[in-house]
Amino acid sequence: MAHADTVWDSLTGRDEDTRHELVFSNGIFRSSSTICGIGADDRAGCAMLWLLKDLGHSLLITDGEEVGGIGSNWLMDDPTNADIAQEINREHQFMVQLDRRHGKDFKCYSVGTDAFRNYLLRVTGYTEPDRFSFTDIVTLCRDITGVNLSIGYRHEHSSQESLSVEEWQNTLNLCRRWLSNDYLPRFSLTKPN
């Protein structure tokens, strides 16, 4: 999963100073603006999800993550979505969100177990710096575990936001290898760790 919104959505088209060029130098994308970033959080995740679409897994793109997870909360709490909310947690082994800063870490927040974290260390080689904060998987994962993987952006929510193509490509390749396996174990979330 990924989220379609960026912190820059409300600025788009407001004045001339918010317009910018995408600059690529030394393997890094940046904005030419001193006001707006590039929106790699989470355009980079949406692009990666698009490239992973042929692996046969369910795909989910939410909206409103940057303003408190509006889309994921609506999806899980609105009674008209009860069948989708149940399917997410009944039919899937775990959830992978592609919306994490840096290049080689992951976060499970409150929706990981020790067994799932050990599995992630083994299959990704990434590490978990801490368990603080939240993102959409915290709302979406009620019965299954979830992870948010690094996709190479830094300085999100600032005009200095950047995206390392090498780190983004590394996570893309890792996900292709990992998620193309015929067998992926199920990790139930019996209680948050």
Protein backbone atom coordinates (compact mmCIF):
# COMPACT_ATOMS: atom_id res chain seq x y z
CA MET A 1 0.00 0.00 0.00
CA ALA A 2 0.91 3.66 -0.40
CA HIS A 3 -0.85 7.00 -0.05
CA ALA A 4 -1.65 9.40 -2.87
CA ASP A 5 -1.64 12.68 -0.97
CA THR A 6 1.38 14.86 -0.19
CA VAL A 7 1.81 17.74 2.24
CA TRP A 8 2.11 20.00 -0.82
CA ASP A 9 -1.41 19.32 -2.16
CA SER A 10 -2.90 22.40 -0.51
CA LEU A 11 -0.20 24.68 -1.98
CA THR A 12 -0.53 23.58 -5.59
CA GLY A 13 -1.45 26.48 -7.84
CA ARG A 14 -1.74 29.04 -5.03
CA ASP A 15 1.01 31.36 -6.24
CA GLU A 16 3.98 31.53 -8.55
CA ASP A 17 6.49 30.76 -5.77
CA THR A 18 5.12 27.23 -5.35
CA ARG A 19 5.90 26.24 -8.95
CA HIS A 20 9.09 24.32 -9.32
CA GLU A 21 11.17 22.04 -11.50
CA LEU A 22 12.21 18.52 -10.61
CA VAL A 23 16.02 18.56 -10.47
CA PHE A 24 18.08 15.37 -10.87
CA SER A 25 21.77 15.37 -9.94
CA ASN A 26 24.13 12.66 -8.67
CA GLY A 27 21.32 10.10 -8.40
CA ILE A 28 19.11 12.39 -6.28
CA PHE A 29 15.81 14.09 -7.16
CA ARG A 30 15.13 17.49 -5.55
CA SER A 31 12.91 20.51 -6.05
CA SER A 32 14.14 23.78 -7.53
CA SER A 33 11.82 25.63 -5.11
CA THR A 34 12.74 27.11 -1.77
CA ILE A 35 9.10 26.65 -0.71
CA CYS A 36 7.88 23.26 -2.01
CA GLY A 37 9.36 19.79 -1.86
CA ILE A 38 8.92 17.13 -4.52
CA GLY A 39 6.23 15.09 -2.76
CA ALA A 40 8.30 11.89 -2.68
CA ASP A 41 6.31 11.20 0.48
CA ASP A 42 4.43 9.38 -0.97
CA ARG A 43 4.61 9.73 -4.73
CA ALA A 44 7.68 7.48 -4.59
CA GLY A 45 5.59 4.83 -2.83
CA CYS A 46 2.78 5.07 -5.39
CA ALA A 47 5.30 4.71 -8.23
CA MET A 48 6.80 1.64 -6.57
CA LEU A 49 3.38 0.10 -6.01
CA TRP A 50 2.61 0.58 -9.70
CA LEU A 51 5.79 -1.29 -10.64
CA LEU A 52 4.90 -4.15 -8.27
CA LYS A 53 1.33 -4.53 -9.53
CA ASP A 54 2.07 -7.62 -11.62
CA LEU A 55 3.11 -9.73 -8.60
CA GLY A 56 -0.54 -10.65 -7.99
CA HIS A 57 -1.00 -9.04 -4.58
CA SER A 58 -3.80 -6.75 -3.49
CA LEU A 59 -2.98 -3.07 -3.89
CA LEU A 60 -4.32 -0.22 -1.80
CA ILE A 61 -3.75 3.50 -2.26
CA THR A 62 -5.21 5.70 0.44
CA ASP A 63 -5.69 9.46 0.59
CA GLY A 64 -5.42 11.82 3.54
CA GLU A 65 -2.53 10.07 5.33
CA GLU A 66 -0.72 13.39 5.76
CA VAL A 67 -3.69 14.87 7.60
CA GLY A 68 -4.27 12.12 10.14
CA GLY A 69 -5.08 9.07 8.03
CA ILE A 70 -8.50 10.28 6.86
CA GLY A 71 -8.77 7.68 4.08
CA SER A 72 -7.65 4.69 6.14
CA ASN A 73 -9.92 5.68 9.03
CA TRP A 74 -12.88 6.03 6.67
CA LEU A 75 -12.10 2.69 5.06
CA MET A 76 -11.97 0.86 8.38
CA ASP A 77 -14.68 2.71 10.33
CA ASP A 78 -17.49 3.48 7.86
CA PRO A 79 -20.06 0.65 8.10
CA THR A 80 -20.48 0.62 4.30
CA ASN A 81 -16.86 -0.59 4.04
CA ALA A 82 -17.14 -3.43 6.57
CA ASP A 83 -16.61 -6.11 3.90
CA ILE A 84 -13.38 -4.45 2.69
CA ALA A 85 -12.09 -3.95 6.23
CA GLN A 86 -12.73 -7.63 6.97
CA GLU A 87 -11.13 -8.76 3.71
CA ILE A 88 -7.95 -6.79 4.39
CA ASN A 89 -7.43 -8.59 7.68
CA ARG A 90 -8.87 -12.00 6.80
CA GLU A 91 -7.43 -12.63 3.34
CA HIS A 92 -3.87 -11.31 3.70
CA GLN A 93 -0.76 -12.60 5.46
CA PHE A 94 0.53 -9.11 6.40
CA MET A 95 0.57 -5.58 4.97
CA VAL A 96 3.49 -3.73 3.40
CA GLN A 97 3.36 0.06 3.22
CA LEU A 98 5.84 1.85 0.93
CA ASP A 99 6.13 5.18 2.72
CA ARG A 100 9.20 5.34 4.94
CA ARG A 101 12.09 7.78 4.94
CA HIS A 102 15.74 6.74 4.60
CA GLY A 103 17.13 3.80 2.69
CA LYS A 104 17.33 0.67 4.80
CA ASP A 105 14.93 0.66 7.68
CA PHE A 106 11.40 -0.38 8.50
CA LYS A 107 8.81 0.43 11.11
CA CYS A 108 6.01 -1.74 12.40
CA TYR A 109 4.80 0.81 14.95
CA SER A 110 2.19 -0.92 17.13
CA VAL A 111 1.21 -3.50 14.48
CA GLY A 112 4.24 -5.77 14.60
CA THR A 113 5.06 -8.85 16.63
CA ASP A 114 8.49 -10.12 17.61
CA ALA A 115 8.14 -12.99 15.12
CA PHE A 116 7.22 -10.60 12.29
CA ARG A 117 10.09 -8.24 13.12
CA ASN A 118 12.56 -11.14 13.10
CA TYR A 119 11.15 -12.27 9.75
CA LEU A 120 11.59 -8.75 8.34
CA LEU A 121 15.19 -8.54 9.55
CA ARG A 122 15.90 -11.84 7.81
CA VAL A 123 14.17 -11.15 4.47
CA THR A 124 15.00 -7.46 4.08
CA GLY A 125 18.20 -6.86 6.02
CA TYR A 126 16.61 -3.57 7.11
CA THR A 127 16.46 -2.49 10.76
CA GLU A 128 13.82 -0.81 12.90
CA PRO A 129 15.09 2.42 14.50
CA ASP A 130 12.12 2.79 16.86
CA ARG A 131 8.41 2.09 17.07
CA PHE A 132 7.06 5.61 17.53
CA SER A 133 4.57 7.55 15.43
CA PHE A 134 1.93 6.12 13.11
CA THR A 135 0.87 5.74 9.50
CA ASP A 136 -2.01 4.10 7.66
CA ILE A 137 -1.04 0.52 8.54
CA VAL A 138 -1.67 1.29 12.22
CA THR A 139 -5.32 1.85 11.31
CA LEU A 140 -5.63 -0.85 8.65
CA CYS A 141 -3.98 -3.77 10.47
CA ARG A 142 -6.44 -5.08 13.03
CA ASP A 143 -5.72 -8.81 12.85
CA ILE A 144 -2.55 -8.95 10.73
CA THR A 145 0.85 -7.37 11.15
CA GLY A 146 2.15 -4.55 9.01
CA VAL A 147 5.41 -2.91 8.01
CA ASN A 148 6.39 0.41 6.48
CA LEU A 149 9.55 0.11 4.35
CA SER A 150 12.13 2.79 3.56
CA ILE A 151 11.92 3.98 -0.04
CA GLY A 152 14.77 6.49 -0.18
CA TYR A 153 13.35 9.90 0.58
CA ARG A 154 14.72 12.34 3.15
CA HIS A 155 13.70 15.71 4.59
CA GLU A 156 10.03 15.03 3.85
CA HIS A 157 7.60 17.88 4.40
CA SER A 158 10.30 20.46 3.63
CA SER A 159 11.56 22.23 0.52
CA GLN A 160 14.78 20.22 0.98
CA GLU A 161 12.97 16.92 0.35
CA SER A 162 15.01 14.54 -1.79
CA LEU A 163 14.75 11.05 -3.24
CA SER A 164 17.73 8.74 -3.73
CA VAL A 165 17.07 6.69 -6.85
CA GLU A 166 19.55 4.02 -5.72
CA GLU A 167 17.79 3.51 -2.38
CA TRP A 168 14.35 3.58 -4.03
CA GLN A 169 15.52 1.00 -6.59
CA ASN A 170 17.00 -1.16 -3.83
CA THR A 171 13.65 -1.39 -2.02
CA LEU A 172 11.84 -2.01 -5.31
CA ASN A 173 14.18 -4.92 -6.14
CA LEU A 174 13.95 -6.26 -2.59
CA CYS A 175 10.13 -6.25 -2.80
CA ARG A 176 10.18 -7.94 -6.20
CA ARG A 177 12.32 -10.80 -4.85
CA TRP A 178 10.53 -11.10 -1.53
CA LEU A 179 6.92 -10.73 -2.62
CA SER A 180 7.23 -12.96 -5.69
CA ASN A 181 7.66 -16.02 -3.44
CA ASP A 182 4.90 -18.59 -3.79
CA TYR A 183 4.67 -18.89 -0.02
CA LEU A 184 4.47 -15.92 2.33
CA PRO A 185 3.77 -16.76 5.98
CA ARG A 186 0.81 -15.24 7.79
CA PHE A 187 1.56 -13.10 10.81
CA SER A 188 -1.47 -12.60 13.02
CA LEU A 189 -1.57 -9.62 15.30
CA THR A 190 -2.69 -11.15 18.53
CA LYS A 191 -1.73 -8.06 20.50
CA PRO A 192 0.42 -5.03 19.68
CA ASN A 193 4.04 -5.15 20.82
